Protein backbone atom coordinates (compact mmCIF):
# COMPACT_ATOMS: atom_id res chain seq x y z
CA MET A 1 77.94 111.09 88.86
CA GLY A 2 76.65 107.11 89.77
CA GLU A 3 78.38 105.11 86.57
CA TYR A 4 81.36 107.17 87.33
CA LEU A 5 80.71 106.32 91.24
CA ALA A 6 80.43 102.72 90.30
CA GLU A 7 83.47 102.65 87.72
CA GLN A 8 85.45 103.78 90.63
CA ARG A 9 84.24 101.06 92.83
CA ARG A 10 84.92 98.10 90.48
CA THR A 11 88.05 99.85 89.71
CA ALA A 12 88.97 99.36 93.48
CA GLN A 13 87.84 95.72 93.39
CA LEU A 14 85.19 96.59 95.87
CA SER A 15 81.91 95.00 96.07
CA LEU A 16 78.70 97.44 96.90
CA ARG A 17 78.80 96.19 100.39
CA GLN A 18 82.12 96.69 101.06
CA LEU A 19 82.33 100.24 99.73
CA SER A 20 79.29 100.81 101.69
CA ASP A 21 80.68 99.36 105.01
CA LEU A 22 83.95 101.68 104.40
CA ALA A 23 81.89 105.06 103.70
CA GLY A 24 79.79 104.38 106.51
CA VAL A 25 76.49 104.45 104.03
CA SER A 26 73.84 102.02 103.95
CA ASN A 27 73.96 99.33 101.03
CA PRO A 28 71.08 100.50 99.58
CA TYR A 29 71.56 104.42 99.43
CA LEU A 30 74.81 103.37 97.92
CA SER A 31 72.65 101.36 95.35
CA GLN A 32 70.35 104.29 94.92
CA ILE A 33 73.37 107.02 94.14
CA GLU A 34 75.32 104.70 91.52
CA ARG A 35 71.88 104.37 89.79
CA GLY A 36 71.21 107.69 89.57
CA LEU A 37 68.06 107.90 92.14
CA ARG A 38 69.19 109.61 94.73
CA LYS A 39 71.66 112.59 94.54
CA PRO A 40 74.92 112.55 97.37
CA SER A 41 75.30 115.28 99.61
CA ALA A 42 79.03 116.84 100.10
CA ASP A 43 79.66 114.74 103.33
CA VAL A 44 78.58 111.44 101.52
CA LEU A 45 80.64 112.24 98.69
CA GLN A 46 83.47 113.14 101.20
CA GLN A 47 82.96 109.29 102.91
CA LEU A 48 83.10 107.86 99.46
CA ALA A 49 86.45 109.42 98.38
CA LYS A 50 87.81 108.39 101.22
CA ALA A 51 87.02 104.59 101.47
CA LEU A 52 88.22 105.14 97.24
CA ARG A 53 91.09 106.39 97.59
CA ILE A 54 90.52 109.31 95.07
CA SER A 55 90.16 112.89 95.53
CA ALA A 56 86.73 114.12 97.02
CA GLU A 57 87.02 117.43 94.38
CA THR A 58 86.63 115.33 91.38
CA LEU A 59 83.57 113.66 93.17
CA TYR A 60 81.82 117.01 93.91
CA VAL A 61 83.08 118.04 90.35
CA ARG A 62 81.01 115.03 88.94
CA ALA A 63 78.14 115.52 91.17
CA GLY A 64 77.62 119.21 90.17
CA ILE A 65 78.69 120.56 93.55
CA LEU A 66 81.71 121.92 92.41
CA ASP A 67 82.96 124.24 88.81
CA PRO A 68 86.10 122.10 87.87
CA ASP A 69 87.69 126.00 87.03
CA ASP A 70 87.09 126.92 90.56
CA SER A 71 89.88 125.35 92.21
CA SER A 72 90.42 127.11 95.31
CA ASP A 73 94.18 126.07 94.14
CA GLY A 74 94.04 127.07 90.29
CA SER A 75 95.61 124.25 88.37
CA ASP A 76 97.91 123.30 91.50
CA GLY A 77 95.27 121.97 93.35
CA ARG A 78 94.10 120.48 90.69
CA ARG A 79 97.88 118.79 89.66
CA ALA A 80 98.49 117.70 93.50
CA ALA A 81 94.25 115.71 93.35
CA GLY A 82 96.02 114.22 90.40
CA VAL A 83 98.83 113.33 92.08
CA VAL A 84 96.94 112.08 94.67
CA ASP A 85 94.75 109.80 93.19
CA ALA A 86 97.72 108.36 90.64
CA VAL A 87 99.38 107.59 93.73
CA LEU A 88 96.43 106.13 95.42
CA LEU A 89 94.97 104.39 93.02
CA ASP A 90 98.64 102.32 91.69
CA PRO A 91 98.14 98.59 92.43
CA ALA A 92 101.80 98.45 92.20
CA LEU A 93 101.95 100.01 95.67
CA ASN A 94 101.51 99.10 98.82
CA GLU A 95 99.38 100.77 101.35
CA ARG A 96 102.24 102.18 103.52
CA GLN A 97 104.11 102.75 100.72
CA LYS A 98 101.34 104.97 99.34
CA ARG A 99 101.18 106.73 102.78
CA VAL A 100 104.92 107.45 102.59
CA LEU A 101 104.90 108.57 99.23
CA LEU A 102 102.04 111.12 100.08
CA ASP A 103 103.54 112.07 102.95
CA VAL A 104 107.00 113.15 101.24
CA TYR A 105 104.94 114.95 98.57
CA ALA A 106 102.52 117.23 101.31
CA SER A 107 105.85 118.32 102.92
CA PHE A 108 107.38 119.08 99.57
CA VAL A 109 104.56 121.00 97.93
CA ARG A 110 104.11 122.81 102.11
CA GLU A 111 107.69 123.53 101.68
CA ASN A 112 107.71 125.12 97.85
CA THR A 113 104.49 127.00 98.88
CA GLU A 114 105.97 128.95 101.83
CA GLU A 115 105.86 132.79 101.33
CA PRO A 116 109.21 134.05 100.04
CA ALA A 117 109.79 136.63 102.79
CA ALA A 118 109.37 133.42 105.55
CA ALA A 119 112.51 132.00 104.04
CA PRO A 120 114.99 134.67 104.86
CA ALA A 121 113.30 134.94 108.06
CA LYS A 122 113.89 131.27 108.78
CA LYS A 123 117.28 131.68 108.12
CA ARG A 124 117.47 134.53 110.19
CA ALA A 125 116.21 132.30 113.33
CA ALA A 126 118.42 129.27 112.61
CA ALA A 127 121.75 131.55 113.01
CA LYS A 128 121.10 133.21 116.07
CA LYS A 129 120.37 129.35 117.05
CA THR A 130 124.19 128.84 116.11
CA PRO A 131 125.45 129.28 119.71
CA ALA A 132 129.12 131.41 119.57
CA ARG A 133 131.69 130.05 120.46
CA PRO A 134 132.59 131.57 124.28
CA ARG A 135 135.75 133.07 125.28
CA SER A 136 138.03 131.62 127.14
CA THR A 137 138.86 133.61 130.58
CA ASN A 138 142.39 132.08 130.84
CA SER A 139 143.65 133.50 127.39
CA PRO A 140 147.00 135.55 128.03
CA LYS A 141 144.60 138.45 126.65
CA SER A 142 142.34 138.47 129.20
CA ARG A 143 145.02 137.84 131.57
CA GLY A 144 146.58 141.12 130.95
CA GLU A 145 149.77 139.18 129.54
CA ALA A 146 150.68 139.63 126.43
């Protein structure tokens, strides 16, 4: 776990002190984690993952907190984590581009994981919102003329 964390820190081009500041953990504690002297809690792993811009699930698996086969979403959850990791670690994208790309990806995933029964209901609701054309009270039929 510690070696993997140090590798991710180096990949992100962060010093030990920079990562400890970003994650909100002390520099000595982070050093002990990287050297394998301390086992961090799930909360600390989540803070580190956020600071490193990698999925917390990846760190949980490395720390033995989460079984890699027990993802709550199955393979889709691992795929999503892989996509997020790839976007966040891509040096060719700036921070704004990463955020926008992940927002678009998340919206597509949400759209495609809606329950099938919800889709027809949404279409019916949209159809109801379309106003019918009002009848004209000045037409020849309404005045009794033919």
